[in-house]
Amino acid sequence: MSLPEPPVVHVNSPYVVPFDGSFSVEDAATGPTAPLSKKELKKELCRLQDQLSDLQRVLYAHDHHSVLLVFQAMDAAGKDGTVRAVMSGVNPAGCQVHSFKKPSSEDLDHDFLWRTAKRLPERGRIGIFNRSYYEEVLVVRVHPEYLGYQRLPYNDPDHIWEERLHSIREHEAHLARNGTLILKFWLNVSHAEQKARFLSRLDEPEKNWKFAVGDVQERQHWPKYMQAYEHALNATSRPWAPWLAIPADNKPYMRVKVAQAIVSALESLDMHYPEVSPAEASRFAEMRALLDSE
């Protein structure tokens, strides 16, 4: 017996990665596809921040869904700034952000989904993954020598990436069936723009702290990363866990497009504030009288 497919995420965006495996990194836009001024983009982002704030309150009160936002990108694409800008109006009590960098020894003693699974958002909350389990089919694929640290009992180099992508698809389908709305963002920065941002980090003292030698070294593997991204996005963009390839060369534009996608997906959920039961409502007049008598 085949299971029904998980609930579909309805997101209104031209940047949704197709579900048929036809996505091409080479054809994906890295810059704006619509001419908007900085002023217009700032105004639109403020409007979306207000909408997202309202939707987050309903999400929290309704308490039937959780939201998982996954951000992946090459270095200097703007993940941190996007999270900060888009989520600035959200109540911190209803949102949690986790960054996943080099795995710890404890992480390496578990399967590759373990360290992110224990950070998944509760119902009513928005969880943000700054990098995620996708690192295991991106950076580890570009650097397969990292597999040696994981001490896997079975390591078939011809099949491990397909096996991991299969596990990710099943993991996300399970989450979707249990009420997690999943949106995954690949912030698509161009090779030239990444270079410009690295140079800016070197030239401007207040940005020096952002610079890491390893980032430039990883840049040498750009073609391999693009191949890994294309494969991962095609293998795991599904109606219940879509990828969005957001142009990242223009940061204000990128942030607006991310915010628009999140707002449209949340608006599609059947959420409402809890209704008061007749028994509770019947006591309201009594409680009002008590308060008025103080």
C-alpha atoms as a PDB file:
ATOM      1  CA  MET A   1       0.000   0.000   0.000  1.00  0.00           C
ATOM      2  CA  SER A   2       1.448   3.370  -1.034  1.00  0.00           C
ATOM      3  CA  LEU A   3       1.239   6.248   1.407  1.00  0.00           C
ATOM      4  CA  PRO A   4      -0.417   9.519   0.413  1.00  0.00           C
ATOM      5  CA  GLU A   5       2.016  12.320  -0.300  1.00  0.00           C
ATOM      6  CA  PRO A   6       2.687  14.817   2.502  1.00  0.00           C
ATOM      7  CA  PRO A   7       0.837  18.157   2.535  1.00  0.00           C
ATOM      8  CA  VAL A   8       1.942  20.533  -0.202  1.00  0.00           C
ATOM      9  CA  VAL A   9       3.646  23.827   0.686  1.00  0.00           C
ATOM     10  CA  HIS A  10       1.935  26.594  -1.269  1.00  0.00           C
ATOM     11  CA  VAL A  11       4.533  29.268  -1.952  1.00  0.00           C
ATOM     12  CA  ASN A  12       4.127  32.057  -4.460  1.00  0.00           C
ATOM     13  CA  SER A  13       7.597  32.650  -5.899  1.00  0.00           C
ATOM     14  CA  PRO A  14       9.204  32.510  -9.349  1.00  0.00           C
ATOM     15  CA  TYR A  15      12.300  31.005  -7.733  1.00  0.00           C
ATOM     16  CA  VAL A  16      10.866  27.646  -6.661  1.00  0.00           C
ATOM     17  CA  VAL A  17      13.133  24.880  -7.896  1.00  0.00           C
ATOM     18  CA  PRO A  18      11.117  22.558 -10.191  1.00  0.00           C
ATOM     19  CA  PHE A  19      10.091  19.185  -8.791  1.00  0.00           C
ATOM     20  CA  ASP A  20      10.938  17.303 -11.984  1.00  0.00           C
ATOM     21  CA  GLY A  21      14.733  17.407 -11.727  1.00  0.00           C
ATOM     22  CA  SER A  22      15.167  20.007 -14.471  1.00  0.00           C
ATOM     23  CA  PHE A  23      16.886  22.702 -12.403  1.00  0.00           C
ATOM     24  CA  SER A  24      20.127  24.071 -13.837  1.00  0.00           C
ATOM     25  CA  VAL A  25      22.564  26.143 -11.769  1.00  0.00           C
ATOM     26  CA  GLU A  26      23.929  27.677 -14.963  1.00  0.00           C
ATOM     27  CA  ASP A  27      20.491  29.034 -15.872  1.00  0.00           C
ATOM     28  CA  ALA A  28      19.582  30.254 -12.353  1.00  0.00           C
ATOM     29  CA  ALA A  29      19.546  34.023 -11.882  1.00  0.00           C
ATOM     30  CA  THR A  30      22.019  35.595  -9.458  1.00  0.00           C
ATOM     31  CA  GLY A  31      20.703  39.147  -9.852  1.00  0.00           C
ATOM     32  CA  PRO A  32      17.274  40.840  -9.735  1.00  0.00           C
ATOM     33  CA  THR A  33      14.776  39.896 -12.386  1.00  0.00           C
ATOM     34  CA  ALA A  34      12.652  42.992 -11.688  1.00  0.00           C
ATOM     35  CA  PRO A  35      13.908  46.610 -11.544  1.00  0.00           C
ATOM     36  CA  LEU A  36      13.165  47.962  -8.068  1.00  0.00           C
ATOM     37  CA  SER A  37      14.865  50.837  -6.290  1.00  0.00           C
ATOM     38  CA  LYS A  38      16.445  50.536  -2.860  1.00  0.00           C
ATOM     39  CA  LYS A  39      13.667  52.725  -1.489  1.00  0.00           C
ATOM     40  CA  GLU A  40      10.971  50.469  -2.945  1.00  0.00           C
ATOM     41  CA  LEU A  41      12.703  47.351  -1.654  1.00  0.00           C
ATOM     42  CA  LYS A  42      13.078  48.826   1.836  1.00  0.00           C
ATOM     43  CA  LYS A  43       9.396  49.755   1.929  1.00  0.00           C
ATOM     44  CA  GLU A  44       8.364  46.310   0.755  1.00  0.00           C
ATOM     45  CA  LEU A  45      10.565  44.583   3.315  1.00  0.00           C
ATOM     46  CA  CYS A  46       9.029  46.639   6.130  1.00  0.00           C
ATOM     47  CA  ARG A  47       5.556  45.644   4.951  1.00  0.00           C
ATOM     48  CA  LEU A  48       6.535  41.977   4.847  1.00  0.00           C
ATOM     49  CA  GLN A  49       8.153  42.170   8.305  1.00  0.00           C
ATOM     50  CA  ASP A  50       4.837  43.406   9.715  1.00  0.00           C
ATOM     51  CA  GLN A  51       2.938  40.605   7.974  1.00  0.00           C
ATOM     52  CA  LEU A  52       5.375  37.996   9.192  1.00  0.00           C
ATOM     53  CA  SER A  53       5.087  39.322  12.749  1.00  0.00           C
ATOM     54  CA  ASP A  54       1.296  38.948  12.620  1.00  0.00           C
ATOM     55  CA  LEU A  55       1.490  35.473  11.089  1.00  0.00           C
ATOM     56  CA  GLN A  56       4.010  34.319  13.683  1.00  0.00           C
ATOM     57  CA  ARG A  57       1.625  35.270  16.490  1.00  0.00           C
ATOM     58  CA  VAL A  58      -1.176  33.231  14.906  1.00  0.00           C
ATOM     59  CA  LEU A  59       1.224  30.315  14.337  1.00  0.00           C
ATOM     60  CA  TYR A  60       2.199  30.392  18.001  1.00  0.00           C
ATOM     61  CA  ALA A  61      -1.385  30.627  19.259  1.00  0.00           C
ATOM     62  CA  HIS A  62      -2.751  28.024  16.840  1.00  0.00           C
ATOM     63  CA  ASP A  63      -0.017  25.575  17.923  1.00  0.00           C
ATOM     64  CA  HIS A  64      -0.640  22.984  15.207  1.00  0.00           C
ATOM     65  CA  HIS A  65       2.251  23.678  12.841  1.00  0.00           C
ATOM     66  CA  SER A  66       5.962  24.316  13.104  1.00  0.00           C
ATOM     67  CA  VAL A  67       8.047  26.066  10.462  1.00  0.00           C
ATOM     68  CA  LEU A  68      11.544  25.057   9.374  1.00  0.00           C
ATOM     69  CA  LEU A  69      13.525  27.517   7.245  1.00  0.00           C
ATOM     70  CA  VAL A  70      16.779  26.118   5.836  1.00  0.00           C
ATOM     71  CA  PHE A  71      19.456  28.460   4.448  1.00  0.00           C
ATOM     72  CA  GLN A  72      22.333  27.178   2.351  1.00  0.00           C
ATOM     73  CA  ALA A  73      24.799  29.194   0.311  1.00  0.00           C
ATOM     74  CA  MET A  74      28.388  29.742  -0.651  1.00  0.00           C
ATOM     75  CA  ASP A  75      30.401  31.961   1.700  1.00  0.00           C
ATOM     76  CA  ALA A  76      29.543  35.693   1.645  1.00  0.00           C
ATOM     77  CA  ALA A  77      26.130  35.100   0.074  1.00  0.00           C
ATOM     78  CA  GLY A  78      24.417  36.834   2.992  1.00  0.00           C
ATOM     79  CA  LYS A  79      22.762  34.139   5.085  1.00  0.00           C
ATOM     80  CA  ASP A  80      23.237  35.864   8.455  1.00  0.00           C
ATOM     81  CA  GLY A  81      22.140  39.270   7.202  1.00  0.00           C
ATOM     82  CA  THR A  82      19.083  37.804   5.511  1.00  0.00           C
ATOM     83  CA  VAL A  83      17.960  35.994   8.648  1.00  0.00           C
ATOM     84  CA  ARG A  84      18.479  39.169  10.680  1.00  0.00           C
ATOM     85  CA  ALA A  85      16.643  41.424   8.213  1.00  0.00           C
ATOM     86  CA  VAL A  86      13.704  39.162   7.410  1.00  0.00           C
ATOM     87  CA  MET A  87      13.035  38.017  10.973  1.00  0.00           C
ATOM     88  CA  SER A  88      13.644  41.349  12.735  1.00  0.00           C
ATOM     89  CA  GLY A  89       9.945  41.842  13.496  1.00  0.00           C
ATOM     90  CA  VAL A  90       9.312  38.351  14.855  1.00  0.00           C
ATOM     91  CA  ASN A  91       8.934  37.771  18.579  1.00  0.00           C
ATOM     92  CA  PRO A  92      12.185  36.057  19.695  1.00  0.00           C
ATOM     93  CA  ALA A  93      10.113  33.825  21.999  1.00  0.00           C
ATOM     94  CA  GLY A  94       8.596  32.174  18.929  1.00  0.00           C
ATOM     95  CA  CYS A  95      11.739  31.774  16.861  1.00  0.00           C
ATOM     96  CA  GLN A  96      15.007  29.880  17.204  1.00  0.00           C
ATOM     97  CA  VAL A  97      18.135  29.993  15.029  1.00  0.00           C
ATOM     98  CA  HIS A  98      20.774  27.281  14.860  1.00  0.00           C
ATOM     99  CA  SER A  99      24.038  27.395  12.925  1.00  0.00           C
ATOM    100  CA  PHE A 100      25.735  24.150  11.962  1.00  0.00           C
ATOM    101  CA  LYS A 101      29.459  24.269  11.298  1.00  0.00           C
ATOM    102  CA  LYS A 102      32.128  21.649  11.927  1.00  0.00           C
ATOM    103  CA  PRO A 103      30.518  18.620  13.633  1.00  0.00           C
ATOM    104  CA  SER A 104      31.602  17.770  17.173  1.00  0.00           C
ATOM    105  CA  SER A 105      32.935  14.375  18.251  1.00  0.00           C
ATOM    106  CA  GLU A 106      29.479  13.627  19.679  1.00  0.00           C
ATOM    107  CA  ASP A 107      27.867  14.547  16.348  1.00  0.00           C
ATOM    108  CA  LEU A 108      30.241  12.212  14.537  1.00  0.00           C
ATOM    109  CA  ASP A 109      29.176   9.330  16.783  1.00  0.00           C
ATOM    110  CA  HIS A 110      25.622   9.587  15.391  1.00  0.00           C
ATOM    111  CA  ASP A 111      24.005   9.442  11.972  1.00  0.00           C
ATOM    112  CA  PHE A 112      24.304  12.595   9.870  1.00  0.00           C
ATOM    113  CA  LEU A 113      20.735  13.767  10.620  1.00  0.00           C
ATOM    114  CA  TRP A 114      21.064  13.531  14.402  1.00  0.00           C
ATOM    115  CA  ARG A 115      22.545  16.923  15.239  1.00  0.00           C
ATOM    116  CA  THR A 116      19.891  18.810  13.270  1.00  0.00           C
ATOM    117  CA  ALA A 117      16.986  16.569  14.288  1.00  0.00           C
ATOM    118  CA  LYS A 118      17.442  17.501  17.941  1.00  0.00           C
ATOM    119  CA  ARG A 119      17.173  21.198  16.989  1.00  0.00           C
ATOM    120  CA  LEU A 120      13.893  20.970  15.096  1.00  0.00           C
ATOM    121  CA  PRO A 121      11.265  23.578  16.052  1.00  0.00           C
ATOM    122  CA  GLU A 122       8.331  22.740  18.296  1.00  0.00           C
ATOM    123  CA  ARG A 123       4.767  23.292  17.122  1.00  0.00           C
ATOM    124  CA  GLY A 124       3.945  26.969  17.126  1.00  0.00           C
ATOM    125  CA  ARG A 125       7.553  28.035  16.541  1.00  0.00           C
ATOM    126  CA  ILE A 126       9.767  29.014  13.623  1.00  0.00           C
ATOM    127  CA  GLY A 127      13.103  27.215  13.425  1.00  0.00           C
ATOM    128  CA  ILE A 128      15.932  28.493  11.243  1.00  0.00           C
ATOM    129  CA  PHE A 129      18.878  26.369  10.154  1.00  0.00           C
ATOM    130  CA  ASN A 130      21.894  28.410   9.021  1.00  0.00           C
ATOM    131  CA  ARG A 131      23.456  25.537   7.106  1.00  0.00           C
ATOM    132  CA  SER A 132      21.971  22.143   7.846  1.00  0.00           C
ATOM    133  CA  TYR A 133      22.056  18.427   7.135  1.00  0.00           C
ATOM    134  CA  TYR A 134      22.586  19.428   3.508  1.00  0.00           C
ATOM    135  CA  GLU A 135      26.234  20.053   4.366  1.00  0.00           C
ATOM    136  CA  GLU A 136      26.560  16.252   4.229  1.00  0.00           C
ATOM    137  CA  VAL A 137      25.822  16.228   0.479  1.00  0.00           C
ATOM    138  CA  LEU A 138      27.555  19.527  -0.292  1.00  0.00           C
ATOM    139  CA  VAL A 139      30.820  20.228   1.551  1.00  0.00           C
ATOM    140  CA  VAL A 140      31.365  16.545   2.368  1.00  0.00           C
ATOM    141  CA  ARG A 141      30.745  15.648  -1.258  1.00  0.00           C
ATOM    142  CA  VAL A 142      33.306  18.224  -2.381  1.00  0.00           C
ATOM    143  CA  HIS A 143      35.673  16.916   0.309  1.00  0.00           C
ATOM    144  CA  PRO A 144      34.929  13.163   0.544  1.00  0.00           C
ATOM    145  CA  GLU A 145      37.959  12.728   2.797  1.00  0.00           C
ATOM    146  CA  TYR A 146      35.720  14.085   5.611  1.00  0.00           C
ATOM    147  CA  LEU A 147      33.858  10.779   5.532  1.00  0.00           C
ATOM    148  CA  GLY A 148      36.837   9.210   7.235  1.00  0.00           C
ATOM    149  CA  TYR A 149      36.032  11.113  10.436  1.00  0.00           C
ATOM    150  CA  GLN A 150      32.534   9.622  10.490  1.00  0.00           C
ATOM    151  CA  ARG A 151      33.725   6.016  10.874  1.00  0.00           C
ATOM    152  CA  LEU A 152      30.894   4.637   8.788  1.00  0.00           C
ATOM    153  CA  PRO A 153      30.505   0.841   8.858  1.00  0.00           C
ATOM    154  CA  TYR A 154      29.376   0.942   5.223  1.00  0.00           C
ATOM    155  CA  ASN A 155      30.827   3.462   2.810  1.00  0.00           C
ATOM    156  CA  ASP A 156      30.070   2.769  -0.819  1.00  0.00           C
ATOM    157  CA  PRO A 157      31.511   5.767  -2.715  1.00  0.00           C
ATOM    158  CA  ASP A 158      29.332   4.975  -5.715  1.00  0.00           C
ATOM    159  CA  HIS A 159      26.073   5.190  -3.780  1.00  0.00           C
ATOM    160  CA  ILE A 160      26.562   7.174  -0.562  1.00  0.00           C
ATOM    161  CA  TRP A 161      25.325  10.505  -1.952  1.00  0.00           C
ATOM    162  CA  GLU A 162      22.164   8.986  -3.401  1.00  0.00           C
ATOM    163  CA  GLU A 163      21.612   7.148  -0.120  1.00  0.00           C
ATOM    164  CA  ARG A 164      21.949  10.368   1.872  1.00  0.00           C
ATOM    165  CA  LEU A 165      19.660  12.292  -0.471  1.00  0.00           C
ATOM    166  CA  HIS A 166      17.119   9.487  -0.139  1.00  0.00           C
ATOM    167  CA  SER A 167      17.360   9.735   3.658  1.00  0.00           C
ATOM    168  CA  ILE A 168      16.846  13.506   3.462  1.00  0.00           C
ATOM    169  CA  ARG A 169      13.744  13.106   1.293  1.00  0.00           C
ATOM    170  CA  GLU A 170      12.261  10.606   3.737  1.00  0.00           C
ATOM    171  CA  HIS A 171      13.190  12.796   6.713  1.00  0.00           C
ATOM    172  CA  GLU A 172      11.503  15.860   5.227  1.00  0.00           C
ATOM    173  CA  ALA A 173       8.420  13.893   4.180  1.00  0.00           C
ATOM    174  CA  HIS A 174       8.110  12.610   7.759  1.00  0.00           C
ATOM    175  CA  LEU A 175       8.365  16.143   9.144  1.00  0.00           C
ATOM    176  CA  ALA A 176       5.803  17.455   6.660  1.00  0.00           C
ATOM    177  CA  ARG A 177       3.327  14.698   7.547  1.00  0.00           C
ATOM    178  CA  ASN A 178       3.662  15.718  11.177  1.00  0.00           C
ATOM    179  CA  GLY A 179       2.916  19.392  10.680  1.00  0.00           C
ATOM    180  CA  THR A 180       6.253  21.014   9.832  1.00  0.00           C
ATOM    181  CA  LEU A 181       6.161  23.513   6.983  1.00  0.00           C
ATOM    182  CA  ILE A 182       9.566  23.321   5.275  1.00  0.00           C
ATOM    183  CA  LEU A 183      11.065  26.039   3.078  1.00  0.00           C
ATOM    184  CA  LYS A 184      14.648  25.737   1.854  1.00  0.00           C
ATOM    185  CA  PHE A 185      16.565  28.705   0.464  1.00  0.00           C
ATOM    186  CA  TRP A 186      19.678  28.528  -1.672  1.00  0.00           C
ATOM    187  CA  LEU A 187      21.058  32.067  -1.778  1.00  0.00           C
ATOM    188  CA  ASN A 188      22.613  32.039  -5.229  1.00  0.00           C
ATOM    189  CA  VAL A 189      25.564  34.438  -5.261  1.00  0.00           C
ATOM    190  CA  SER A 190      27.699  34.710  -8.386  1.00  0.00           C
ATOM    191  CA  HIS A 191      31.402  33.911  -8.534  1.00  0.00           C
ATOM    192  CA  ALA A 192      32.207  37.560  -9.339  1.00  0.00           C
ATOM    193  CA  GLU A 193      30.070  38.984  -6.533  1.00  0.00           C
ATOM    194  CA  GLN A 194      31.603  36.637  -3.973  1.00  0.00           C
ATOM    195  CA  LYS A 195      35.050  37.921  -4.971  1.00  0.00           C
ATOM    196  CA  ALA A 196      33.893  41.526  -4.537  1.00  0.00           C
ATOM    197  CA  ARG A 197      32.544  40.773  -1.065  1.00  0.00           C
ATOM    198  CA  PHE A 198      35.735  39.004  -0.007  1.00  0.00           C
ATOM    199  CA  LEU A 199      37.765  42.030  -1.149  1.00  0.00           C
ATOM    200  CA  SER A 200      35.425  44.309   0.790  1.00  0.00           C
ATOM    201  CA  ARG A 201      36.079  42.268   3.924  1.00  0.00           C
ATOM    202  CA  LEU A 202      39.797  42.758   3.393  1.00  0.00           C
ATOM    203  CA  ASP A 203      39.612  46.473   2.556  1.00  0.00           C
ATOM    204  CA  GLU A 204      37.217  47.644   5.269  1.00  0.00           C
ATOM    205  CA  PRO A 205      38.567  47.278   8.849  1.00  0.00           C
ATOM    206  CA  GLU A 206      35.106  46.883  10.363  1.00  0.00           C
ATOM    207  CA  LYS A 207      34.582  43.835   8.128  1.00  0.00           C
ATOM    208  CA  ASN A 208      37.969  42.181   8.751  1.00  0.00           C
ATOM    209  CA  TRP A 209      36.466  39.903  11.391  1.00  0.00           C
ATOM    210  CA  LYS A 210      34.258  38.308   8.735  1.00  0.00           C
ATOM    211  CA  PHE A 211      37.208  37.242   6.611  1.00  0.00           C
ATOM    212  CA  ALA A 212      38.530  33.692   6.819  1.00  0.00           C
ATOM    213  CA  VAL A 213      41.378  32.254   4.794  1.00  0.00           C
ATOM    214  CA  GLY A 214      39.445  29.018   4.418  1.00  0.00           C
ATOM    215  CA  ASP A 215      36.653  30.828   2.564  1.00  0.00           C
ATOM    216  CA  VAL A 216      39.023  31.809  -0.240  1.00  0.00           C
ATOM    217  CA  GLN A 217      40.455  28.306  -0.336  1.00  0.00           C
ATOM    218  CA  GLU A 218      36.966  26.844  -0.737  1.00  0.00           C
ATOM    219  CA  ARG A 219      36.365  29.239  -3.623  1.00  0.00           C
ATOM    220  CA  GLN A 220      38.847  27.163  -5.627  1.00  0.00           C
ATOM    221  CA  HIS A 221      36.302  24.338  -5.587  1.00  0.00           C
ATOM    222  CA  TRP A 222      33.477  26.457  -7.043  1.00  0.00           C
ATOM    223  CA  PRO A 223      32.632  24.147 -10.002  1.00  0.00           C
ATOM    224  CA  LYS A 224      32.386  21.127  -7.704  1.00  0.00           C
ATOM    225  CA  TYR A 225      30.126  23.033  -5.301  1.00  0.00           C
ATOM    226  CA  MET A 226      27.844  24.136  -8.135  1.00  0.00           C
ATOM    227  CA  GLN A 227      27.572  20.537  -9.319  1.00  0.00           C
ATOM    228  CA  ALA A 228      26.790  19.372  -5.787  1.00  0.00           C
ATOM    229  CA  TYR A 229      24.141  22.077  -5.313  1.00  0.00           C
ATOM    230  CA  GLU A 230      22.479  21.265  -8.623  1.00  0.00           C
ATOM    231  CA  HIS A 231      22.305  17.581  -7.776  1.00  0.00           C
ATOM    232  CA  ALA A 232      21.036  18.158  -4.210  1.00  0.00           C
ATOM    233  CA  LEU A 233      18.360  20.683  -5.210  1.00  0.00           C
ATOM    234  CA  ASN A 234      17.047  18.492  -8.019  1.00  0.00           C
ATOM    235  CA  ALA A 235      16.997  15.425  -5.767  1.00  0.00           C
ATOM    236  CA  THR A 236      15.225  17.055  -2.809  1.00  0.00           C
ATOM    237  CA  SER A 237      12.984  19.866  -4.075  1.00  0.00           C
ATOM    238  CA  ARG A 238       9.527  18.445  -3.508  1.00  0.00           C
ATOM    239  CA  PRO A 239       6.032  19.987  -3.198  1.00  0.00           C
ATOM    240  CA  TRP A 240       6.122  19.441   0.580  1.00  0.00           C
ATOM    241  CA  ALA A 241       9.726  20.671   0.998  1.00  0.00           C
ATOM    242  CA  PRO A 242      10.538  23.029  -1.878  1.00  0.00           C
ATOM    243  CA  TRP A 243      13.860  24.642  -2.598  1.00  0.00           C
ATOM    244  CA  LEU A 244      13.972  28.263  -3.709  1.00  0.00           C
ATOM    245  CA  ALA A 245      17.026  29.463  -5.653  1.00  0.00           C
ATOM    246  CA  ILE A 246      17.041  33.127  -4.628  1.00  0.00           C
ATOM    247  CA  PRO A 247      19.283  35.583  -6.544  1.00  0.00           C
ATOM    248  CA  ALA A 248      21.800  36.853  -3.983  1.00  0.00           C
ATOM    249  CA  ASP A 249      23.955  39.437  -5.777  1.00  0.00           C
ATOM    250  CA  ASN A 250      21.603  42.234  -4.665  1.00  0.00           C
ATOM    251  CA  LYS A 251      21.032  41.865  -0.915  1.00  0.00           C
ATOM    252  CA  PRO A 252      17.903  44.087  -0.550  1.00  0.00           C
ATOM    253  CA  TYR A 253      16.239  42.223  -3.438  1.00  0.00           C
ATOM    254  CA  MET A 254      17.243  38.840  -2.011  1.00  0.00           C
ATOM    255  CA  ARG A 255      15.794  39.656   1.412  1.00  0.00           C
ATOM    256  CA  VAL A 256      12.486  40.794  -0.043  1.00  0.00           C
ATOM    257  CA  LYS A 257      12.159  37.615  -2.112  1.00  0.00           C
ATOM    258  CA  VAL A 258      12.904  35.419   0.898  1.00  0.00           C
ATOM    259  CA  ALA A 259      10.362  37.311   3.017  1.00  0.00           C
ATOM    260  CA  GLN A 260       7.710  37.128   0.291  1.00  0.00           C
ATOM    261  CA  ALA A 261       8.103  33.354   0.059  1.00  0.00           C
ATOM    262  CA  ILE A 262       7.804  32.861   3.828  1.00  0.00           C
ATOM    263  CA  VAL A 263       4.747  35.100   4.103  1.00  0.00           C
ATOM    264  CA  SER A 264       2.954  33.441   1.185  1.00  0.00           C
ATOM    265  CA  ALA A 265       3.593  29.953   2.599  1.00  0.00           C
ATOM    266  CA  LEU A 266       2.360  30.905   6.081  1.00  0.00           C
ATOM    267  CA  GLU A 267      -0.735  32.595   4.655  1.00  0.00           C
ATOM    268  CA  SER A 268      -1.676  29.341   2.940  1.00  0.00           C
ATOM    269  CA  LEU A 269      -1.902  27.466   6.243  1.00  0.00           C
ATOM    270  CA  ASP A 270      -5.312  27.059   7.843  1.00  0.00           C
ATOM    271  CA  MET A 271      -4.390  28.897  11.040  1.00  0.00           C
ATOM    272  CA  HIS A 272      -6.551  30.834  13.456  1.00  0.00           C
ATOM    273  CA  TYR A 273      -6.540  32.013  17.038  1.00  0.00           C
ATOM    274  CA  PRO A 274      -8.049  29.415  19.411  1.00  0.00           C
ATOM    275  CA  GLU A 275     -11.763  29.831  19.992  1.00  0.00           C
ATOM    276  CA  VAL A 276     -13.101  30.167  23.509  1.00  0.00           C
ATOM    277  CA  SER A 277     -15.393  27.328  24.559  1.00  0.00           C
ATOM    278  CA  PRO A 278     -19.011  28.145  25.472  1.00  0.00           C
ATOM    279  CA  ALA A 279     -18.269  27.213  29.085  1.00  0.00           C
ATOM    280  CA  GLU A 280     -15.357  29.661  29.229  1.00  0.00           C
ATOM    281  CA  ALA A 281     -17.301  32.390  27.454  1.00  0.00           C
ATOM    282  CA  SER A 282     -20.153  32.065  29.928  1.00  0.00           C
ATOM    283  CA  ARG A 283     -17.784  33.006  32.744  1.00  0.00           C
ATOM    284  CA  PHE A 284     -16.463  36.148  31.055  1.00  0.00           C
ATOM    285  CA  ALA A 285     -19.246  38.323  32.423  1.00  0.00           C
ATOM    286  CA  GLU A 286     -18.541  36.976  35.921  1.00  0.00           C
ATOM    287  CA  MET A 287     -14.812  37.697  35.602  1.00  0.00           C
ATOM    288  CA  ARG A 288     -15.514  41.198  34.242  1.00  0.00           C
ATOM    289  CA  ALA A 289     -17.745  41.908  37.204  1.00  0.00           C
ATOM    290  CA  LEU A 290     -15.023  40.788  39.595  1.00  0.00           C
ATOM    291  CA  LEU A 291     -12.459  43.033  37.916  1.00  0.00           C
ATOM    292  CA  ASP A 292     -14.828  46.013  37.845  1.00  0.00           C
ATOM    293  CA  SER A 293     -15.529  45.587  41.564  1.00  0.00           C
ATOM    294  CA  GLU A 294     -11.856  45.993  42.554  1.00  0.00           C
END
